[in-house]
C-alpha atoms as a PDB file:
ATOM      1  CA  MET A   1       0.104  -0.049   0.002  1.00  0.00           C
ATOM      2  CA  PRO A   2       1.193   3.357  -0.747  1.00  0.00           C
ATOM      3  CA  ARG A   3       2.846   5.433   2.048  1.00  0.00           C
ATOM      4  CA  ARG A   4       0.570   8.303   3.470  1.00  0.00           C
ATOM      5  CA  ARG A   5       1.913  11.713   3.912  1.00  0.00           C
ATOM      6  CA  GLN A   6      -0.414  12.914   6.691  1.00  0.00           C
ATOM      7  CA  PRO A   7      -2.212   9.996   8.314  1.00  0.00           C
ATOM      8  CA  THR A   8      -5.541  10.652   9.840  1.00  0.00           C
ATOM      9  CA  ALA A   9      -6.024  10.481  13.708  1.00  0.00           C
ATOM     10  CA  ARG A  10      -7.905   7.304  12.997  1.00  0.00           C
ATOM     11  CA  GLN A  11      -5.392   5.746  11.023  1.00  0.00           C
ATOM     12  CA  GLU A  12      -2.727   6.407  13.679  1.00  0.00           C
ATOM     13  CA  ARG A  13      -4.942   4.963  16.163  1.00  0.00           C
ATOM     14  CA  LEU A  14      -5.104   1.886  14.184  1.00  0.00           C
ATOM     15  CA  GLY A  15      -1.298   1.635  13.944  1.00  0.00           C
ATOM     16  CA  ALA A  16      -1.060   2.502  17.855  1.00  0.00           C
ATOM     17  CA  GLU A  17      -3.319  -0.473  18.531  1.00  0.00           C
ATOM     18  CA  LEU A  18      -1.252  -2.791  16.306  1.00  0.00           C
ATOM     19  CA  ARG A  19       2.093  -1.567  18.229  1.00  0.00           C
ATOM     20  CA  LYS A  20       0.279  -2.218  21.657  1.00  0.00           C
ATOM     21  CA  LEU A  21      -0.549  -5.866  20.665  1.00  0.00           C
ATOM     22  CA  ARG A  22       2.926  -6.341  19.463  1.00  0.00           C
ATOM     23  CA  GLU A  23       4.406  -4.992  22.746  1.00  0.00           C
ATOM     24  CA  ALA A  24       2.106  -7.001  24.826  1.00  0.00           C
ATOM     25  CA  ALA A  25       3.416 -10.089  22.777  1.00  0.00           C
ATOM     26  CA  GLY A  26       7.051  -9.130  23.705  1.00  0.00           C
ATOM     27  CA  LEU A  27       8.116  -9.017  20.213  1.00  0.00           C
ATOM     28  CA  LYS A  28      10.146  -6.329  18.578  1.00  0.00           C
ATOM     29  CA  ALA A  29       9.278  -4.689  15.440  1.00  0.00           C
ATOM     30  CA  ARG A  30      11.728  -6.707  13.401  1.00  0.00           C
ATOM     31  CA  GLU A  31      10.767 -10.053  14.755  1.00  0.00           C
ATOM     32  CA  ALA A  32       7.116  -9.204  14.020  1.00  0.00           C
ATOM     33  CA  ALA A  33       7.912  -8.034  10.526  1.00  0.00           C
ATOM     34  CA  ALA A  34       9.677 -11.425   9.727  1.00  0.00           C
ATOM     35  CA  LEU A  35       6.374 -13.283  10.889  1.00  0.00           C
ATOM     36  CA  ILE A  36       4.462 -11.921   8.036  1.00  0.00           C
ATOM     37  CA  GLY A  37       7.267 -11.636   5.354  1.00  0.00           C
ATOM     38  CA  SER A  38       8.013  -7.819   5.757  1.00  0.00           C
ATOM     39  CA  ASP A  39      10.685  -5.623   7.130  1.00  0.00           C
ATOM     40  CA  SER A  40      10.957  -3.372  10.154  1.00  0.00           C
ATOM     41  CA  ALA A  41      10.630  -0.246   8.257  1.00  0.00           C
ATOM     42  CA  GLN A  42       7.203  -1.264   6.731  1.00  0.00           C
ATOM     43  CA  MET A  43       6.249  -2.574  10.259  1.00  0.00           C
ATOM     44  CA  SER A  44       7.279   1.009  11.552  1.00  0.00           C
ATOM     45  CA  GLN A  45       5.180   2.559   8.962  1.00  0.00           C
ATOM     46  CA  MET A  46       2.027   0.354   9.606  1.00  0.00           C
ATOM     47  CA  GLU A  47       2.349   1.074  13.436  1.00  0.00           C
ATOM     48  CA  SER A  48       2.592   5.123  12.780  1.00  0.00           C
ATOM     49  CA  GLY A  49      -0.247   5.060  10.409  1.00  0.00           C
ATOM     50  CA  THR A  50       1.657   6.093   7.457  1.00  0.00           C
ATOM     51  CA  ALA A  51       1.127   2.964   5.736  1.00  0.00           C
ATOM     52  CA  GLY A  52      -2.142   0.701   5.687  1.00  0.00           C
ATOM     53  CA  VAL A  53      -2.468  -3.028   6.606  1.00  0.00           C
ATOM     54  CA  SER A  54      -4.767  -5.372   4.771  1.00  0.00           C
ATOM     55  CA  GLU A  55      -7.253  -7.638   6.561  1.00  0.00           C
ATOM     56  CA  GLU A  56      -5.489 -10.445   5.788  1.00  0.00           C
ATOM     57  CA  ARG A  57      -2.024  -9.115   7.258  1.00  0.00           C
ATOM     58  CA  LEU A  58      -3.717  -7.606  10.354  1.00  0.00           C
ATOM     59  CA  ARG A  59      -5.540 -10.954  11.206  1.00  0.00           C
ATOM     60  CA  SER A  60      -2.240 -12.832  10.854  1.00  0.00           C
ATOM     61  CA  LEU A  61      -0.300 -10.287  13.099  1.00  0.00           C
ATOM     62  CA  ALA A  62      -3.111 -10.885  15.726  1.00  0.00           C
ATOM     63  CA  ALA A  63      -2.694 -14.588  15.540  1.00  0.00           C
ATOM     64  CA  HIS A  64       1.037 -14.263  16.013  1.00  0.00           C
ATOM     65  CA  TYR A  65       0.567 -11.869  18.696  1.00  0.00           C
ATOM     66  CA  CYS A  66      -1.907 -14.579  20.541  1.00  0.00           C
ATOM     67  CA  CYS A  67      -4.712 -11.870  20.719  1.00  0.00           C
ATOM     68  CA  GLU A  68      -7.938 -13.759  21.240  1.00  0.00           C
ATOM     69  CA  ASP A  69     -10.073 -10.720  21.654  1.00  0.00           C
ATOM     70  CA  GLU A  70     -12.345 -11.202  18.534  1.00  0.00           C
ATOM     71  CA  GLU A  71     -14.619  -8.169  19.143  1.00  0.00           C
ATOM     72  CA  LEU A  72     -11.062  -6.057  19.092  1.00  0.00           C
ATOM     73  CA  ILE A  73      -9.817  -7.815  16.019  1.00  0.00           C
ATOM     74  CA  ALA A  74     -13.170  -7.264  14.259  1.00  0.00           C
ATOM     75  CA  ALA A  75     -13.092  -3.536  15.075  1.00  0.00           C
ATOM     76  CA  LEU A  76      -9.366  -3.012  14.027  1.00  0.00           C
ATOM     77  CA  VAL A  77     -10.303  -4.963  10.808  1.00  0.00           C
ATOM     78  CA  ALA A  78     -13.145  -2.425  10.321  1.00  0.00           C
ATOM     79  CA  MET A  79     -10.856   0.481  10.721  1.00  0.00           C
ATOM     80  CA  ALA A  80      -8.137  -1.011   8.489  1.00  0.00           C
ATOM     81  CA  THR A  81     -10.804  -1.640   5.505  1.00  0.00           C
ATOM     82  CA  ASP A  82     -12.717   1.607   6.015  1.00  0.00           C
ATOM     83  CA  ARG A  83     -12.886   3.644   2.949  1.00  0.00           C
ATOM     84  CA  THR A  84     -15.459   6.272   4.145  1.00  0.00           C
ATOM     85  CA  GLN A  85     -15.036   9.726   2.503  1.00  0.00           C
ATOM     86  CA  GLY A  86     -17.062  11.651   4.739  1.00  0.00           C
ATOM     87  CA  TRP A  87     -18.401  15.259   4.680  1.00  0.00           C
ATOM     88  CA  TRP A  88     -15.318  16.418   6.459  1.00  0.00           C
ATOM     89  CA  GLU A  89     -13.083  15.687   3.419  1.00  0.00           C
ATOM     90  CA  ASP A  90     -14.762  18.944   1.931  1.00  0.00           C
ATOM     91  CA  TYR A  91     -12.626  20.793   4.280  1.00  0.00           C
ATOM     92  CA  ARG A  92      -9.199  19.133   3.592  1.00  0.00           C
ATOM     93  CA  GLY A  93      -6.779  21.755   3.062  1.00  0.00           C
ATOM     94  CA  LEU A  94      -9.119  24.524   4.284  1.00  0.00           C
ATOM     95  CA  LEU A  95      -9.012  23.813   8.054  1.00  0.00           C
ATOM     96  CA  PRO A  96      -6.486  22.255  10.405  1.00  0.00           C
ATOM     97  CA  ALA A  97      -6.190  18.300  10.014  1.00  0.00           C
ATOM     98  CA  ARG A  98      -7.519  18.400  13.678  1.00  0.00           C
ATOM     99  CA  PHE A  99     -11.176  19.756  12.723  1.00  0.00           C
ATOM    100  CA  LEU A 100     -11.493  16.808  10.079  1.00  0.00           C
ATOM    101  CA  ASP A 101     -10.104  14.256  12.740  1.00  0.00           C
ATOM    102  CA  ILE A 102     -12.489  15.312  15.132  1.00  0.00           C
ATOM    103  CA  ALA A 103     -15.401  15.118  12.729  1.00  0.00           C
ATOM    104  CA  GLU A 104     -14.246  11.677  11.843  1.00  0.00           C
ATOM    105  CA  LEU A 105     -14.009  10.441  15.313  1.00  0.00           C
ATOM    106  CA  GLU A 106     -17.772  11.650  15.900  1.00  0.00           C
ATOM    107  CA  HIS A 107     -18.859   9.879  12.908  1.00  0.00           C
ATOM    108  CA  HIS A 108     -17.704   6.550  14.169  1.00  0.00           C
ATOM    109  CA  ALA A 109     -18.600   6.779  17.687  1.00  0.00           C
ATOM    110  CA  SER A 110     -21.041   4.662  19.438  1.00  0.00           C
ATOM    111  CA  TYR A 111     -21.937   7.105  21.950  1.00  0.00           C
ATOM    112  CA  ARG A 112     -20.729  10.501  23.369  1.00  0.00           C
ATOM    113  CA  PHE A 113     -20.235  12.158  26.914  1.00  0.00           C
ATOM    114  CA  ASP A 114     -19.361  15.803  27.044  1.00  0.00           C
ATOM    115  CA  VAL A 115     -18.445  17.808  30.243  1.00  0.00           C
ATOM    116  CA  GLU A 116     -18.414  21.695  29.793  1.00  0.00           C
ATOM    117  CA  THR A 117     -17.847  24.396  32.421  1.00  0.00           C
ATOM    118  CA  LEU A 118     -17.494  27.773  30.487  1.00  0.00           C
ATOM    119  CA  ASN A 119     -18.976  27.116  27.028  1.00  0.00           C
ATOM    120  CA  ILE A 120     -22.134  25.440  25.520  1.00  0.00           C
ATOM    121  CA  PRO A 121     -21.027  21.823  24.204  1.00  0.00           C
ATOM    122  CA  GLY A 122     -20.292  22.130  20.437  1.00  0.00           C
ATOM    123  CA  LEU A 123     -22.987  19.999  19.385  1.00  0.00           C
ATOM    124  CA  PHE A 124     -25.683  22.066  20.904  1.00  0.00           C
ATOM    125  CA  GLN A 125     -24.294  25.424  19.597  1.00  0.00           C
ATOM    126  CA  THR A 126     -26.225  27.666  17.343  1.00  0.00           C
ATOM    127  CA  GLU A 127     -24.574  29.325  14.462  1.00  0.00           C
ATOM    128  CA  ALA A 128     -24.657  32.706  16.015  1.00  0.00           C
ATOM    129  CA  TYR A 129     -23.092  31.385  19.384  1.00  0.00           C
ATOM    130  CA  ALA A 130     -20.270  29.428  17.376  1.00  0.00           C
ATOM    131  CA  HIS A 131     -19.688  32.567  15.386  1.00  0.00           C
ATOM    132  CA  ALA A 132     -19.212  34.477  18.370  1.00  0.00           C
ATOM    133  CA  ILE A 133     -16.557  32.043  19.833  1.00  0.00           C
ATOM    134  CA  TYR A 134     -14.724  32.010  16.762  1.00  0.00           C
ATOM    135  CA  SER A 135     -14.803  35.703  16.150  1.00  0.00           C
ATOM    136  CA  TYR A 136     -13.115  36.232  19.736  1.00  0.00           C
ATOM    137  CA  ARG A 137     -10.044  34.350  18.591  1.00  0.00           C
ATOM    138  CA  VAL A 138      -6.647  36.259  18.923  1.00  0.00           C
ATOM    139  CA  PRO A 139      -5.150  37.208  16.518  1.00  0.00           C
ATOM    140  CA  GLU A 140      -8.402  37.512  14.690  1.00  0.00           C
ATOM    141  CA  LEU A 141      -9.078  35.025  11.757  1.00  0.00           C
ATOM    142  CA  PRO A 142      -9.819  35.997   8.391  1.00  0.00           C
ATOM    143  CA  ALA A 143     -13.681  36.129   7.707  1.00  0.00           C
ATOM    144  CA  ARG A 144     -13.612  33.118   5.560  1.00  0.00           C
ATOM    145  CA  ASP A 145     -11.699  31.269   8.057  1.00  0.00           C
ATOM    146  CA  THR A 146     -14.152  32.068  10.689  1.00  0.00           C
ATOM    147  CA  GLU A 147     -17.181  31.080   8.400  1.00  0.00           C
ATOM    148  CA  LEU A 148     -15.550  27.845   7.480  1.00  0.00           C
ATOM    149  CA  ARG A 149     -15.029  26.918  11.355  1.00  0.00           C
ATOM    150  CA  VAL A 150     -18.664  27.828  11.896  1.00  0.00           C
ATOM    151  CA  GLN A 151     -19.807  25.863   8.841  1.00  0.00           C
ATOM    152  CA  HIS A 152     -18.000  22.799   9.899  1.00  0.00           C
ATOM    153  CA  ARG A 153     -19.241  22.998  13.557  1.00  0.00           C
ATOM    154  CA  MET A 154     -22.783  23.130  12.365  1.00  0.00           C
ATOM    155  CA  ARG A 155     -22.209  20.043  10.179  1.00  0.00           C
ATOM    156  CA  ARG A 156     -20.692  18.030  13.018  1.00  0.00           C
ATOM    157  CA  LYS A 157     -24.013  18.246  14.869  1.00  0.00           C
ATOM    158  CA  ALA A 158     -25.326  15.572  12.423  1.00  0.00           C
ATOM    159  CA  ILE A 159     -24.386  12.861  14.942  1.00  0.00           C
ATOM    160  CA  ILE A 160     -27.233  13.963  17.361  1.00  0.00           C
ATOM    161  CA  GLU A 161     -29.530  15.107  14.829  1.00  0.00           C
ATOM    162  CA  ARG A 162     -29.539  12.655  12.129  1.00  0.00           C
ATOM    163  CA  HIS A 163     -32.181   9.608  11.880  1.00  0.00           C
ATOM    164  CA  ALA A 164     -30.064   7.066  13.544  1.00  0.00           C
ATOM    165  CA  SER A 165     -28.322   9.317  16.402  1.00  0.00           C
ATOM    166  CA  ILE A 166     -26.057   8.037  18.904  1.00  0.00           C
ATOM    167  CA  PRO A 167     -26.615   8.197  22.630  1.00  0.00           C
ATOM    168  CA  TYR A 168     -25.443  11.578  23.685  1.00  0.00           C
ATOM    169  CA  GLU A 169     -25.163  12.929  27.451  1.00  0.00           C
ATOM    170  CA  ALA A 170     -23.785  16.580  28.128  1.00  0.00           C
ATOM    171  CA  VAL A 171     -23.028  17.780  31.818  1.00  0.00           C
ATOM    172  CA  ILE A 172     -23.078  21.603  31.578  1.00  0.00           C
ATOM    173  CA  HIS A 173     -21.942  23.836  34.404  1.00  0.00           C
ATOM    174  CA  GLU A 174     -24.063  27.051  35.326  1.00  0.00           C
ATOM    175  CA  ALA A 175     -21.342  29.095  34.240  1.00  0.00           C
ATOM    176  CA  ALA A 176     -21.347  27.817  30.680  1.00  0.00           C
ATOM    177  CA  LEU A 177     -25.166  28.680  30.754  1.00  0.00           C
ATOM    178  CA  ARG A 178     -24.997  32.100  32.048  1.00  0.00           C
ATOM    179  CA  ILE A 179     -21.892  33.583  30.157  1.00  0.00           C
ATOM    180  CA  ARG A 180     -23.058  35.692  27.451  1.00  0.00           C
ATOM    181  CA  VAL A 181     -20.694  34.620  24.534  1.00  0.00           C
ATOM    182  CA  GLY A 182     -22.858  36.763  22.503  1.00  0.00           C
ATOM    183  CA  ASP A 183     -25.387  39.339  23.172  1.00  0.00           C
ATOM    184  CA  ARG A 184     -28.814  38.664  25.057  1.00  0.00           C
ATOM    185  CA  SER A 185     -30.597  37.555  22.104  1.00  0.00           C
ATOM    186  CA  ILE A 186     -27.836  34.882  21.218  1.00  0.00           C
ATOM    187  CA  THR A 187     -27.934  33.596  24.722  1.00  0.00           C
ATOM    188  CA  ARG A 188     -31.632  33.238  24.919  1.00  0.00           C
ATOM    189  CA  ALA A 189     -31.681  31.246  21.545  1.00  0.00           C
ATOM    190  CA  GLN A 190     -28.814  29.261  22.808  1.00  0.00           C
ATOM    191  CA  LEU A 191     -30.618  28.288  25.715  1.00  0.00           C
ATOM    192  CA  ALA A 192     -33.718  27.443  23.683  1.00  0.00           C
ATOM    193  CA  ARG A 193     -31.648  25.306  21.480  1.00  0.00           C
ATOM    194  CA  VAL A 194     -30.256  23.212  24.611  1.00  0.00           C
ATOM    195  CA  LEU A 195     -33.944  22.788  25.893  1.00  0.00           C
ATOM    196  CA  GLU A 196     -35.267  21.654  22.304  1.00  0.00           C
ATOM    197  CA  LEU A 197     -32.506  19.142  21.925  1.00  0.00           C
ATOM    198  CA  SER A 198     -32.708  17.810  25.820  1.00  0.00           C
ATOM    199  CA  GLU A 199     -36.098  16.628  24.786  1.00  0.00           C
ATOM    200  CA  ALA A 200     -34.797  14.113  22.169  1.00  0.00           C
ATOM    201  CA  ASP A 201     -34.859  10.383  23.605  1.00  0.00           C
ATOM    202  CA  HIS A 202     -31.257   9.884  22.799  1.00  0.00           C
ATOM    203  CA  VAL A 203     -29.982  13.361  24.331  1.00  0.00           C
ATOM    204  CA  THR A 204     -29.549  13.742  28.215  1.00  0.00           C
ATOM    205  CA  VAL A 205     -28.665  17.026  29.638  1.00  0.00           C
ATOM    206  CA  ARG A 206     -27.641  17.661  33.261  1.00  0.00           C
ATOM    207  CA  VAL A 207     -26.816  20.833  34.819  1.00  0.00           C
ATOM    208  CA  ILE A 208     -24.210  21.620  37.680  1.00  0.00           C
ATOM    209  CA  PRO A 209     -25.623  24.684  39.520  1.00  0.00           C
ATOM    210  CA  PHE A 210     -23.235  27.256  41.202  1.00  0.00           C
ATOM    211  CA  ASP A 211     -24.680  26.496  44.802  1.00  0.00           C
ATOM    212  CA  ILE A 212     -24.085  22.662  44.515  1.00  0.00           C
ATOM    213  CA  ASP A 213     -22.023  21.378  47.317  1.00  0.00           C
ATOM    214  CA  GLY A 214     -18.906  19.046  46.562  1.00  0.00           C
ATOM    215  CA  PHE A 215     -18.050  19.834  43.153  1.00  0.00           C
ATOM    216  CA  ALA A 216     -14.524  20.371  42.876  1.00  0.00           C
ATOM    217  CA  GLY A 217     -14.115  19.454  39.180  1.00  0.00           C
ATOM    218  CA  ALA A 218     -14.414  22.604  37.104  1.00  0.00           C
ATOM    219  CA  TRP A 219     -11.171  21.674  35.229  1.00  0.00           C
ATOM    220  CA  ASN A 220     -12.756  18.248  34.068  1.00  0.00           C
ATOM    221  CA  THR A 221     -14.059  19.408  30.735  1.00  0.00           C
ATOM    222  CA  MET A 222     -13.997  16.532  28.264  1.00  0.00           C
ATOM    223  CA  MET A 223     -15.426  14.937  24.999  1.00  0.00           C
ATOM    224  CA  TYR A 224     -15.600  11.153  25.663  1.00  0.00           C
ATOM    225  CA  ALA A 225     -16.345   9.271  22.151  1.00  0.00           C
ATOM    226  CA  GLY A 226     -17.328   5.514  22.768  1.00  0.00           C
ATOM    227  CA  GLY A 227     -15.739   3.073  20.306  1.00  0.00           C
ATOM    228  CA  PRO A 228     -16.725  -0.276  18.782  1.00  0.00           C
ATOM    229  CA  VAL A 229     -15.281  -1.750  21.959  1.00  0.00           C
ATOM    230  CA  THR A 230     -14.091  -0.077  25.132  1.00  0.00           C
ATOM    231  CA  LYS A 231     -10.392  -0.547  24.288  1.00  0.00           C
ATOM    232  CA  LEU A 232     -11.119   1.839  21.489  1.00  0.00           C
ATOM    233  CA  ASP A 233     -12.731   4.544  23.248  1.00  0.00           C
ATOM    234  CA  THR A 234     -11.366   8.084  22.885  1.00  0.00           C
ATOM    235  CA  VAL A 235     -11.075  11.314  25.064  1.00  0.00           C
ATOM    236  CA  LEU A 236     -10.681  14.548  23.276  1.00  0.00           C
ATOM    237  CA  ARG A 237      -9.409  17.445  25.590  1.00  0.00           C
ATOM    238  CA  ASP A 238      -8.281  21.045  24.498  1.00  0.00           C
ATOM    239  CA  ALA A 239      -4.515  21.790  25.026  1.00  0.00           C
ATOM    240  CA  PRO A 240      -2.396  25.062  24.346  1.00  0.00           C
ATOM    241  CA  GLN A 241      -1.204  23.466  21.154  1.00  0.00           C
ATOM    242  CA  GLY A 242      -4.430  22.263  20.054  1.00  0.00           C
ATOM    243  CA  ALA A 243      -6.969  19.411  20.698  1.00  0.00           C
ATOM    244  CA  ALA A 244      -5.332  16.302  22.406  1.00  0.00           C
ATOM    245  CA  PHE A 245      -6.480  12.594  21.705  1.00  0.00           C
ATOM    246  CA  ILE A 246      -6.143  10.463  24.581  1.00  0.00           C
ATOM    247  CA  ASP A 247      -6.343   6.594  24.252  1.00  0.00           C
ATOM    248  CA  SER A 248      -4.435   4.574  26.785  1.00  0.00           C
ATOM    249  CA  GLU A 249      -6.534   2.186  28.711  1.00  0.00           C
ATOM    250  CA  ALA A 250      -5.287   3.556  32.132  1.00  0.00           C
ATOM    251  CA  GLN A 251      -6.218   7.261  31.009  1.00  0.00           C
ATOM    252  CA  LEU A 252      -9.710   6.142  29.648  1.00  0.00           C
ATOM    253  CA  GLY A 253     -10.628   4.256  32.607  1.00  0.00           C
ATOM    254  CA  ALA A 254      -9.586   7.369  34.686  1.00  0.00           C
ATOM    255  CA  PHE A 255     -11.841   9.772  32.529  1.00  0.00           C
ATOM    256  CA  ARG A 256     -14.804   7.211  32.766  1.00  0.00           C
ATOM    257  CA  THR A 257     -14.512   7.695  36.698  1.00  0.00           C
ATOM    258  CA  LEU A 258     -14.110  11.455  36.301  1.00  0.00           C
ATOM    259  CA  PHE A 259     -17.279  11.252  34.227  1.00  0.00           C
ATOM    260  CA  ARG A 260     -19.377   9.480  36.695  1.00  0.00           C
ATOM    261  CA  LYS A 261     -18.128  11.899  39.460  1.00  0.00           C
ATOM    262  CA  VAL A 262     -19.010  14.942  37.613  1.00  0.00           C
ATOM    263  CA  GLU A 263     -22.135  13.427  36.430  1.00  0.00           C
ATOM    264  CA  SER A 264     -23.080  12.435  40.185  1.00  0.00           C
ATOM    265  CA  ALA A 265     -22.706  16.426  41.013  1.00  0.00           C
ATOM    266  CA  SER A 266     -25.276  17.273  38.647  1.00  0.00           C
ATOM    267  CA  LEU A 267     -29.074  17.690  38.719  1.00  0.00           C
ATOM    268  CA  GLU A 268     -31.233  15.027  37.168  1.00  0.00           C
ATOM    269  CA  PRO A 269     -32.422  15.526  33.738  1.00  0.00           C
ATOM    270  CA  GLU A 270     -35.947  16.895  34.516  1.00  0.00           C
ATOM    271  CA  ARG A 271     -34.580  19.409  37.325  1.00  0.00           C
ATOM    272  CA  SER A 272     -31.914  20.456  34.742  1.00  0.00           C
ATOM    273  CA  ARG A 273     -34.375  21.367  32.122  1.00  0.00           C
ATOM    274  CA  ASP A 274     -36.178  23.302  34.672  1.00  0.00           C
ATOM    275  CA  PHE A 275     -33.130  25.149  35.726  1.00  0.00           C
ATOM    276  CA  ILE A 276     -32.449  26.008  32.141  1.00  0.00           C
ATOM    277  CA  HIS A 277     -35.912  27.248  31.687  1.00  0.00           C
ATOM    278  CA  ARG A 278     -35.742  29.496  34.653  1.00  0.00           C
ATOM    279  CA  LEU A 279     -32.301  31.088  33.486  1.00  0.00           C
ATOM    280  CA  ALA A 280     -33.916  31.641  30.059  1.00  0.00           C
ATOM    281  CA  LYS A 281     -36.800  33.737  31.707  1.00  0.00           C
ATOM    282  CA  GLU A 282     -34.178  35.728  33.426  1.00  0.00           C
ATOM    283  CA  LEU A 283     -32.794  37.070  30.200  1.00  0.00           C
END
């Protein structure tokens, strides 16, 4: 297979999982390569995501690695053979690659958890709210770049608005609901949009009020995307250098625990909707 110049996050994840399996089997790259009639250079490319891997070769490697997790193997085969050209490809070369990686991650997710303390979760944002966020960037982006980012964010909402939507739970702090990212009318429309989406059967919205006791986790913002198997879950967190994808089993377990702690500090969905209704009336 031809070498890729810029693998996607999904392709890199596949390679990383192959490397984890090899290391768990106690094999060096050159040893594993020899088992499938390859060399260490090609093995390195497969494990970095710069080269693809066929289903036959992937299953052969899994057998040599003594991996008996059939669900994991099937999920990795699906990743290796996936040829999806999603809507996000329209933005290749127009937006940073991480924007496309996030959209692809969401497209393949089996469920989503979000925790936000200062902004409304992206999947809930109205166009005006998203525009206000991207317009606040320093240094200021050219108008065309801002519009592309807003368009991209609006299209990402398909995962909870399409016919076969995935389960989605968002925990939102009162601060995010009160901060006027735009003007009063934008904030009012944004709260109305959150309430509208919270009525969907697959969407759960929980609120953490300012006056709740025992919430020390304001820093625990996260986007948690479920994979086809738990080992392929992914957490996305904002970092100074851009979005960071987290996929180690230990860290994923820690973030699942953190989400449960944050969730336990929030109001039940019905009380959360009542809370947002009251805030909207105050505007």
